[in-house]
Every structure is written in structure tokens, then in C-alpha cells.
């Protein structure tokens, strides 16, 4: 019943924005802030009604989505042969040209079909066979797994199959400001969600005492300046038959015109000289080097005080038992630093280790469940008064 309801809700909307688990309410709020009123939060995404302008705008402006899909067909398939037949019934000539390359991405959830690669192969065969049949075997589109012009996203929930066009192509979390990353980089979309959940006024300073490659600070400053995160990239929908370049360019200029220039700064501390250098390169690539300062040093030894704004940090989680034992001291010292040197601020700590969170030693105002990939984490929020 749950799977049937999920498929029905998706089918009732003409677009679906995908996000990490736990981020759905933030993404729905983003969509509404873009003027989209008909939304429905689902598992790992939000279904919404919109026009073609909304498709262009969401791809460029959404911070917490990883891609936007356009469902084009639904059918029932309990095995691979039924999957093949269902795809054969979709008019591929309406979706793309034979001279365009394509890729098929498949996601299986509680399906009797358990091999996503084989499912993708059956779908590819159905698409190619349709073109071959219509051209007496003379024409067929080519598959390109790395840089396809058209991307199909097929979601199989139980027996329910939703066949969609992937409007984004490359994941929307790739902002292209990363010249490099630290040992365990956080995806930009999750970083943006953490900032948006942090009750920050976007006018006071932001400080990250363990900034790594600078992702949280960059996303925070982009939010404060209202910089749409994906203005300077291409999208898969630009290869669709109905793509309107004039409308796309007009919306992009509209978003550029909404950028702000608040008088605030970001500050980060990073113990590794190599990673600190990477952070500075990333910040420069994002065009924010005038607004974010990175200092090489250990927050436990180089004192930084702040009496207003947001403290935001993603400390290491640890994988081995000896690492976790050492990190207990780090979390305790992080809590002491925030409590002693950041009075008057609010603080947000995201951790993927639920055992370590109690060593911060501060009373949490709120705990929010978020996933960093497959890692279950918590965003811990504090008032430092």
C-alpha cells in the first residue's frame, strides 16, 4: 500500500526533485520559495507541479536537490520481460533523436527484479529495438555512460515502474568550485541543507573551527549572497526537443539579478596546511575569496573568539575503535571551545557518529536526522547564551 501511494503521488506531479534522506522538508521549502505552490514531500525527494520555466529555474537555483526528473510514463512490471515490454510502448521518437547518445539509470526498491544492471540492459534493448524497428534495422542510438546527451531515470517500486527523463544530467550537488577536497568531503547539497537548517540570519558572521575544504563556509556565503548554485553549467534538458534557449537564458539572468552583497564574513580554521590551501583554492574558484578567510591552525591552540553569528562544523566521525576513542577528546574540546569562546552565537554540529555526539557536553536545542550518503547522522543545534 505504501509503495502504491508513493507511485500515485509521483504520478500526480509532472516533476520530481531528488534529495538526500532527511532533507525533504528543506527542499520543499526551497521549492515554495521559488513560487511553486503544489508540492508533496516523499521519500528522498519532493514531487511538484510546474511549467517549463520552473524546470529551468529549479535546476539552476535549488541548493539541496541532487537532480530534477520529469516522469513520462508509468506501468506495472513484475519481471524483466514485462519491463522490456513496458518500455517498448513508450514513444522514444517523442523524447529524443536517433543521433543523440543516452544512458539509463535504474533504482530498484522492494522489487522482484533484483539486478539493476540487468534491468538497465533490458531497458536499453527496448529503446534501441524501437529505433531499429522503425528504420528497418538501419538506425540505432548509441549508449554513452560518461557524457550522454539524454539520461533516463527508471524507478521501480515493487511492481510500479516510473520512467522519467533526468533533466539535470550531472548531479546538481557538483557546483564546480571544488579544486580539491579533504579526506571525507561533504556533498555540497547536504552542506547547504545543514546551513539552511541552522536558524542563521544570513547577516551575522559564520565560523567553522574545522573547515576542511571549506564546503560549509562556501555554501553559507552563497546562501547569504543569494547566489544560485548552478548558474554556470549545462543540463541534460538542453538536449530535449522542447528546450527553449531564450527562456533558459532569460531565467538565468533573472537569477543573477537577485544576488545580494551583505556585509558579513566567514572564517574557517584548518589544522592541515595542505587542506587549508585546498579550501582557499575552492573559495577562490567560487568567487568568494573576499568574503571568507581561512587560517591554518588548530582551534585548540589558536584561539578564535566570536560573540554573534553561527558556528557550524562537521567534525570527523572515526571508523576504527582507536579513532573513536581519540575523537571523544576532540569532541569534548570542540564543545569547550564553542562554550567558552563563542558566547552569544548559535551552533550547529553535524556528526555521523551517534556515540560521539554526547561528548560535546552542551545541551542541544534540537536534533535533526540527516543522512550523509549511507551514514545516518544528526545535526545538533545549540544556543550559546
Protein backbone atom coordinates (compact mmCIF):
# COMPACT_ATOMS: atom_id res chain seq x y z
CA UNK A 1 0.00 0.00 0.00
CA UNK A 2 2.82 2.42 0.86
CA UNK A 3 4.57 1.72 -2.44
CA UNK A 4 1.32 2.18 -4.38
CA UNK A 5 0.69 5.52 -2.63
CA UNK A 6 4.24 6.64 -3.41
CA UNK A 7 3.83 5.79 -7.09
CA UNK A 8 0.43 7.55 -7.19
CA UNK A 9 1.75 10.77 -5.60
CA UNK A 10 4.69 10.86 -8.01
CA UNK A 11 2.35 10.20 -10.95
CA UNK A 12 0.13 13.13 -9.93
CA UNK A 13 3.01 15.61 -10.39
CA UNK A 14 4.93 16.45 -13.54
CA UNK A 15 8.34 16.90 -11.86
CA UNK A 16 10.26 15.29 -9.03
CA UNK A 17 13.28 16.80 -7.23
CA UNK A 18 15.60 14.21 -5.65
CA UNK A 19 17.47 14.82 -2.38
CA UNK A 20 19.26 13.03 0.45
CA UNK A 21 17.17 11.34 3.12
CA UNK A 22 16.10 13.77 5.81
CA UNK A 23 16.44 16.82 3.55
CA UNK A 24 12.90 16.60 2.10
CA UNK A 25 11.36 19.38 4.27
CA UNK A 26 14.21 21.77 3.39
CA UNK A 27 13.86 21.03 -0.32
CA UNK A 28 10.08 21.53 -0.17
CA UNK A 29 10.62 24.92 1.47
CA UNK A 30 13.10 25.82 -1.27
CA UNK A 31 10.57 24.94 -3.96
CA UNK A 32 7.90 27.07 -2.31
CA UNK A 33 10.33 29.99 -2.04
CA UNK A 34 10.71 29.76 -5.83
CA UNK A 35 6.97 30.27 -6.22
CA UNK A 36 5.99 26.62 -6.66
CA UNK A 37 2.90 26.02 -4.51
CA UNK A 38 1.87 22.48 -5.46
CA UNK A 39 4.43 20.25 -3.74
CA UNK A 40 4.40 16.90 -1.97
CA UNK A 41 7.28 15.65 0.17
CA UNK A 42 8.04 11.97 -0.46
CA UNK A 43 10.89 9.57 0.35
CA UNK A 44 14.19 11.13 -0.80
CA UNK A 45 12.56 13.89 -2.77
CA UNK A 46 9.66 16.24 -3.44
CA UNK A 47 7.09 15.94 -6.23
CA UNK A 48 5.88 19.24 -7.66
CA UNK A 49 3.74 20.77 -10.37
CA UNK A 50 5.34 23.36 -12.62
CA UNK A 51 5.83 24.79 -16.07
CA UNK A 52 8.95 24.57 -18.24
CA UNK A 53 10.22 27.81 -16.67
CA UNK A 54 10.06 26.10 -13.26
CA UNK A 55 12.12 23.21 -14.60
CA UNK A 56 14.86 25.59 -15.73
CA UNK A 57 14.70 27.65 -12.54
CA UNK A 58 14.79 24.70 -10.13
CA UNK A 59 17.82 23.17 -11.81
CA UNK A 60 19.76 26.39 -11.50
CA UNK A 61 18.51 27.59 -8.10
CA UNK A 62 17.84 24.58 -5.85
CA UNK A 63 20.61 24.05 -3.29
CA UNK A 64 19.55 20.81 -1.63
CA UNK A 65 18.37 18.79 -4.65
CA UNK A 66 20.67 16.38 -6.45
CA UNK A 67 18.62 16.19 -9.66
CA UNK A 68 15.21 17.03 -11.13
CA UNK A 69 13.22 14.38 -13.01
CA UNK A 70 10.33 14.58 -15.46
CA UNK A 71 8.19 11.39 -15.31
CA UNK A 72 6.90 10.48 -18.77
CA UNK A 73 5.35 7.01 -18.32
CA UNK A 74 4.18 4.56 -15.66
CA UNK A 75 3.39 0.87 -15.92
CA UNK A 76 3.41 -2.40 -13.99
CA UNK A 77 6.31 -4.86 -14.38
CA UNK A 78 6.99 -7.85 -12.14
CA UNK A 79 9.80 -9.30 -14.23
CA UNK A 80 12.40 -8.25 -16.80
CA UNK A 81 10.31 -9.26 -19.80
CA UNK A 82 7.42 -7.11 -18.60
CA UNK A 83 9.87 -4.27 -18.04
CA UNK A 84 11.08 -4.60 -21.64
CA UNK A 85 7.52 -4.62 -22.98
CA UNK A 86 6.54 -1.59 -20.93
CA UNK A 87 9.44 0.47 -22.24
CA UNK A 88 8.75 -0.62 -25.83
CA UNK A 89 5.32 1.03 -25.57
CA UNK A 90 6.84 4.45 -24.83
CA UNK A 91 7.27 6.57 -27.96
CA UNK A 92 11.02 7.23 -27.87
CA UNK A 93 10.84 9.38 -31.01
CA UNK A 94 8.94 11.93 -28.93
CA UNK A 95 11.75 12.01 -26.35
CA UNK A 96 15.00 12.12 -28.32
CA UNK A 97 16.65 11.75 -31.70
CA UNK A 98 18.46 8.72 -33.00
CA UNK A 99 21.70 10.71 -33.37
CA UNK A 100 21.74 11.54 -29.63
CA UNK A 101 23.55 9.41 -27.05
CA UNK A 102 21.75 8.15 -23.95
CA UNK A 103 22.20 6.42 -20.59
CA UNK A 104 19.76 4.54 -18.35
CA UNK A 105 19.91 4.80 -14.54
CA UNK A 106 17.79 2.31 -12.58
CA UNK A 107 16.73 2.30 -8.94
CA UNK A 108 15.01 -0.83 -7.60
CA UNK A 109 13.08 -0.71 -4.30
CA UNK A 110 11.38 -3.87 -2.96
CA UNK A 111 11.15 -5.25 -6.47
CA UNK A 112 11.15 -8.88 -7.57
CA UNK A 113 13.77 -7.71 -10.07
CA UNK A 114 16.96 -7.60 -8.01
CA UNK A 115 19.68 -6.77 -10.56
CA UNK A 116 19.67 -3.08 -11.53
CA UNK A 117 22.35 -3.54 -14.21
CA UNK A 118 20.35 -6.25 -15.96
CA UNK A 119 17.23 -4.08 -15.69
CA UNK A 120 19.14 -1.20 -17.30
CA UNK A 121 20.26 -3.53 -20.10
CA UNK A 122 16.67 -4.65 -20.80
CA UNK A 123 15.53 -1.02 -20.91
CA UNK A 124 18.40 -0.10 -23.24
CA UNK A 125 17.47 -3.01 -25.52
CA UNK A 126 13.83 -1.88 -25.61
CA UNK A 127 14.85 1.67 -26.57
CA UNK A 128 17.30 0.57 -29.27
CA UNK A 129 14.93 -2.06 -30.68
CA UNK A 130 12.22 0.57 -31.16
CA UNK A 131 14.53 2.75 -33.27
CA UNK A 132 15.79 -0.25 -35.22
CA UNK A 133 12.25 -1.45 -35.96
CA UNK A 134 11.15 1.96 -37.24
CA UNK A 135 14.18 2.25 -39.53
CA UNK A 136 14.19 -1.36 -40.81
CA UNK A 137 17.29 -2.08 -38.76
CA UNK A 138 19.31 0.80 -40.21
CA UNK A 139 19.39 3.27 -37.31
CA UNK A 140 20.03 2.97 -33.59
CA UNK A 141 21.07 5.46 -30.88
CA UNK A 142 24.34 4.91 -29.02
CA UNK A 143 24.88 4.49 -25.31
CA UNK A 144 27.32 6.82 -23.55
CA UNK A 145 27.81 6.06 -19.87
CA UNK A 146 30.02 9.08 -19.12
CA UNK A 147 28.67 12.06 -21.04
CA UNK A 148 25.28 11.17 -22.53
CA UNK A 149 23.07 13.81 -24.12
CA UNK A 150 19.90 12.17 -22.78
CA UNK A 151 19.57 10.47 -19.38
CA UNK A 152 16.64 8.23 -18.46
CA UNK A 153 15.91 7.55 -14.80
CA UNK A 154 13.79 4.47 -14.09
CA UNK A 155 12.38 3.98 -10.60
CA UNK A 156 10.91 0.56 -9.79
CA UNK A 157 8.92 0.49 -6.54
CA UNK A 158 7.52 -3.02 -6.07
CA UNK A 159 5.74 -3.71 -9.38
CA UNK A 160 5.28 0.01 -10.17
CA UNK A 161 7.66 1.44 -12.77
CA UNK A 162 8.11 5.17 -13.35
CA UNK A 163 10.08 6.04 -16.49
CA UNK A 164 11.47 9.57 -16.31
CA UNK A 165 13.73 11.95 -18.16
CA UNK A 166 16.58 13.23 -16.00
CA UNK A 167 16.53 16.98 -16.55
CA UNK A 168 19.79 17.64 -14.71
CA UNK A 169 22.26 15.13 -16.12
CA UNK A 170 25.27 15.64 -13.89
CA UNK A 171 24.25 15.72 -10.22
CA UNK A 172 23.23 19.18 -9.03
CA UNK A 173 25.44 18.86 -5.94
CA UNK A 174 28.52 19.31 -8.15
CA UNK A 175 28.96 23.07 -8.00
CA UNK A 176 32.31 23.04 -9.87
CA UNK A 177 34.09 25.18 -7.32
CA UNK A 178 35.95 22.24 -5.82
CA UNK A 179 39.59 22.35 -6.86
CA UNK A 180 40.14 19.57 -4.33
CA UNK A 181 38.69 18.07 -1.16
CA UNK A 182 39.67 16.84 2.27
CA UNK A 183 39.73 13.21 3.38
CA UNK A 184 35.94 12.90 3.82
CA UNK A 185 34.32 15.72 1.84
CA UNK A 186 30.67 16.54 2.45
CA UNK A 187 28.49 16.89 -0.64
CA UNK A 188 27.54 20.46 -1.37
CA UNK A 189 23.78 19.78 -1.30
CA UNK A 190 23.97 18.32 2.22
CA UNK A 191 26.17 21.23 3.35
CA UNK A 192 23.57 23.67 2.04
CA UNK A 193 20.81 21.80 3.87
CA UNK A 194 22.76 21.98 7.13
CA UNK A 195 23.21 25.74 6.73
CA UNK A 196 19.52 26.23 5.90
CA UNK A 197 18.51 24.21 8.98
CA UNK A 198 20.79 26.21 11.29
CA UNK A 199 18.48 29.16 12.07
CA UNK A 200 21.10 31.58 10.75
CA UNK A 201 20.01 35.14 10.00
CA UNK A 202 22.35 35.38 6.95
CA UNK A 203 23.61 38.74 8.20
CA UNK A 204 25.93 37.82 11.08
CA UNK A 205 29.36 36.11 10.78
CA UNK A 206 29.78 32.38 10.25
CA UNK A 207 32.69 30.38 11.70
CA UNK A 208 33.84 26.80 11.09
CA UNK A 209 36.59 25.67 13.52
CA UNK A 210 37.34 22.52 11.45
CA UNK A 211 36.55 23.73 7.96
CA UNK A 212 38.28 21.08 5.85
CA UNK A 213 37.97 22.03 2.19
CA UNK A 214 35.59 24.87 3.03
CA UNK A 215 32.29 23.45 1.77
CA UNK A 216 30.10 24.60 4.68
CA UNK A 217 31.53 28.12 4.56
CA UNK A 218 31.16 28.38 0.78
CA UNK A 219 27.57 27.17 0.83
CA UNK A 220 26.76 29.55 3.70
CA UNK A 221 28.17 32.54 1.85
CA UNK A 222 26.38 31.57 -1.38
CA UNK A 223 23.12 31.45 0.59
CA UNK A 224 23.81 34.82 2.24
CA UNK A 225 24.53 36.40 -1.15
CA UNK A 226 21.58 34.60 -2.81
CA UNK A 227 23.88 33.13 -5.46
CA UNK A 228 22.06 30.41 -7.39
CA UNK A 229 24.40 27.39 -7.13
CA UNK A 230 24.21 26.10 -10.71
CA UNK A 231 24.17 29.15 -12.96
CA UNK A 232 27.32 28.32 -14.90
CA UNK A 233 26.85 24.77 -16.10
CA UNK A 234 24.95 22.78 -18.69
CA UNK A 235 21.97 20.49 -18.12
CA UNK A 236 20.55 17.43 -19.81
CA UNK A 237 17.27 19.25 -20.59
CA UNK A 238 19.22 21.45 -23.01
CA UNK A 239 19.26 18.42 -25.32
CA UNK A 240 15.49 17.89 -25.16
CA UNK A 241 13.28 18.57 -28.15
CA UNK A 242 11.26 21.24 -26.32
CA UNK A 243 14.28 23.15 -24.96
CA UNK A 244 13.84 26.91 -25.29
CA UNK A 245 17.25 28.62 -25.15
CA UNK A 246 15.77 32.12 -24.98
CA UNK A 247 13.63 31.27 -21.93
CA UNK A 248 16.54 29.50 -20.23
CA UNK A 249 18.88 32.46 -20.73
CA UNK A 250 16.22 34.90 -19.51
CA UNK A 251 15.69 32.92 -16.30
CA UNK A 252 19.43 32.64 -15.73
CA UNK A 253 19.79 36.43 -15.99
CA UNK A 254 16.80 36.87 -13.69
CA UNK A 255 18.53 34.72 -11.05
CA UNK A 256 21.79 36.62 -11.48
CA UNK A 257 19.92 39.86 -10.89
CA UNK A 258 18.74 38.66 -7.48
CA UNK A 259 22.22 38.31 -6.00
CA UNK A 260 22.90 40.26 -2.80
CA UNK A 261 26.03 41.77 -1.24
CA UNK A 262 25.60 41.61 2.55
CA UNK A 263 28.32 42.94 4.85
CA UNK A 264 29.32 39.72 6.55
CA UNK A 265 32.33 37.45 6.55
CA UNK A 266 33.09 33.80 7.00
CA UNK A 267 36.04 32.47 8.95
CA UNK A 268 37.50 28.96 8.99
CA UNK A 269 40.24 27.13 10.86
CA UNK A 270 42.00 24.08 9.41
CA UNK A 271 44.84 22.18 11.07
CA UNK A 272 46.28 20.70 7.85
CA UNK A 273 48.26 23.19 5.72
CA UNK A 274 47.54 21.14 2.59
CA UNK A 275 43.77 21.05 3.21
CA UNK A 276 43.74 24.74 4.19
CA UNK A 277 45.37 25.55 0.85
CA UNK A 278 42.71 23.45 -0.90
CA UNK A 279 39.99 25.35 0.95
CA UNK A 280 41.41 28.69 -0.20
CA UNK A 281 41.51 27.44 -3.81
CA UNK A 282 37.88 26.26 -3.58
CA UNK A 283 36.79 29.58 -2.11
CA UNK A 284 38.59 31.48 -4.88
CA UNK A 285 37.00 29.22 -7.53
CA UNK A 286 33.60 30.10 -6.05
CA UNK A 287 34.46 33.80 -6.31
CA UNK A 288 34.21 34.26 -2.53
CA UNK A 289 37.82 34.88 -1.51
CA UNK A 290 36.98 38.46 -0.47
CA UNK A 291 34.38 37.18 1.98
CA UNK A 292 35.87 34.05 3.57
CA UNK A 293 39.18 33.84 5.42
CA UNK A 294 40.92 30.54 6.19
CA UNK A 295 43.57 30.34 8.89
CA UNK A 296 45.91 27.35 9.14
CA UNK A 297 45.85 26.18 12.73
CA UNK A 298 44.25 24.04 15.42
CA UNK A 299 41.27 25.63 17.19
CA UNK A 300 42.57 24.08 20.41
CA UNK A 301 45.78 26.09 20.18
CA UNK A 302 44.97 29.16 18.07
CA UNK A 303 42.20 30.97 19.88
CA UNK A 304 39.32 32.44 17.89
CA UNK A 305 36.54 34.31 19.68
CA UNK A 306 33.15 35.29 18.29
CA UNK A 307 30.20 36.86 20.11
CA UNK A 308 27.50 36.64 17.42
CA UNK A 309 26.54 34.66 14.36
CA UNK A 310 26.74 30.97 13.55
CA UNK A 311 29.30 28.33 14.47
CA UNK A 312 28.97 25.42 12.07
CA UNK A 313 31.16 22.33 11.90
CA UNK A 314 31.33 18.77 10.57
CA UNK A 315 33.93 17.03 12.77
CA UNK A 316 35.37 13.60 11.81
CA UNK A 317 33.30 10.53 12.65
CA UNK A 318 36.00 7.84 13.01
CA UNK A 319 35.78 4.31 11.62
CA UNK A 320 38.05 2.22 13.85
CA UNK A 321 37.68 1.86 17.63
CA UNK A 322 41.03 3.57 18.33
CA UNK A 323 39.96 6.53 16.17
CA UNK A 324 36.66 6.84 18.03
CA UNK A 325 38.46 6.82 21.39
CA UNK A 326 40.72 9.70 20.27
CA UNK A 327 37.77 11.60 18.83
CA UNK A 328 35.99 11.61 22.21
CA UNK A 329 38.63 14.08 23.41
CA UNK A 330 38.29 16.13 20.20
CA UNK A 331 34.51 16.42 20.58
CA UNK A 332 34.90 17.40 24.23
CA UNK A 333 37.45 20.08 23.33
CA UNK A 334 35.24 21.30 20.48
CA UNK A 335 32.35 21.72 22.91
CA UNK A 336 34.59 23.57 25.38
CA UNK A 337 35.83 25.90 22.64
CA UNK A 338 32.34 26.74 21.46
CA UNK A 339 31.06 27.25 25.01
CA UNK A 340 33.96 29.42 26.16
CA UNK A 341 34.87 31.40 23.03
CA UNK A 342 31.57 31.71 21.14
CA UNK A 343 29.12 33.03 23.72
CA UNK A 344 26.20 34.78 22.01
CA UNK A 345 26.32 32.56 18.92
CA UNK A 346 24.19 29.69 17.75
CA UNK A 347 25.98 26.46 16.85
CA UNK A 348 25.29 23.54 14.51
CA UNK A 349 27.37 20.38 14.65
CA UNK A 350 26.75 17.58 12.15
CA UNK A 351 28.13 14.17 13.06
CA UNK A 352 27.78 10.73 11.56
CA UNK A 353 28.80 9.06 14.83
CA UNK A 354 25.88 8.94 17.27
CA UNK A 355 28.12 7.81 20.14
CA UNK A 356 30.43 10.81 19.87
CA UNK A 357 27.70 13.46 19.99
CA UNK A 358 27.29 13.17 23.79
CA UNK A 359 30.94 14.17 24.35
CA UNK A 360 30.27 17.71 23.07
CA UNK A 361 28.99 18.43 26.56
CA UNK A 362 26.40 21.05 25.58
CA UNK A 363 22.64 20.92 25.92
CA UNK A 364 21.08 20.54 22.48
CA UNK A 365 18.23 22.76 21.41
CA UNK A 366 17.29 20.39 18.58
CA UNK A 367 18.43 17.15 16.92
CA UNK A 368 17.68 16.57 13.24
CA UNK A 369 18.11 13.24 11.45
CA UNK A 370 20.06 13.57 8.19
CA UNK A 371 21.96 11.10 6.02
CA UNK A 372 25.42 11.69 4.61
CA UNK A 373 25.22 9.12 1.85
CA UNK A 374 24.50 5.84 3.65
CA UNK A 375 25.71 7.22 7.00
CA UNK A 376 22.96 8.08 9.48
CA UNK A 377 23.84 11.36 11.16
CA UNK A 378 22.48 14.06 13.42
CA UNK A 379 22.51 17.80 13.11
CA UNK A 380 22.89 19.06 16.68
CA UNK A 381 21.77 22.64 17.29
CA UNK A 382 22.77 24.76 20.30
CA UNK A 383 22.12 28.22 21.72
CA UNK A 384 25.26 29.58 23.40
CA UNK A 385 23.90 32.04 25.94
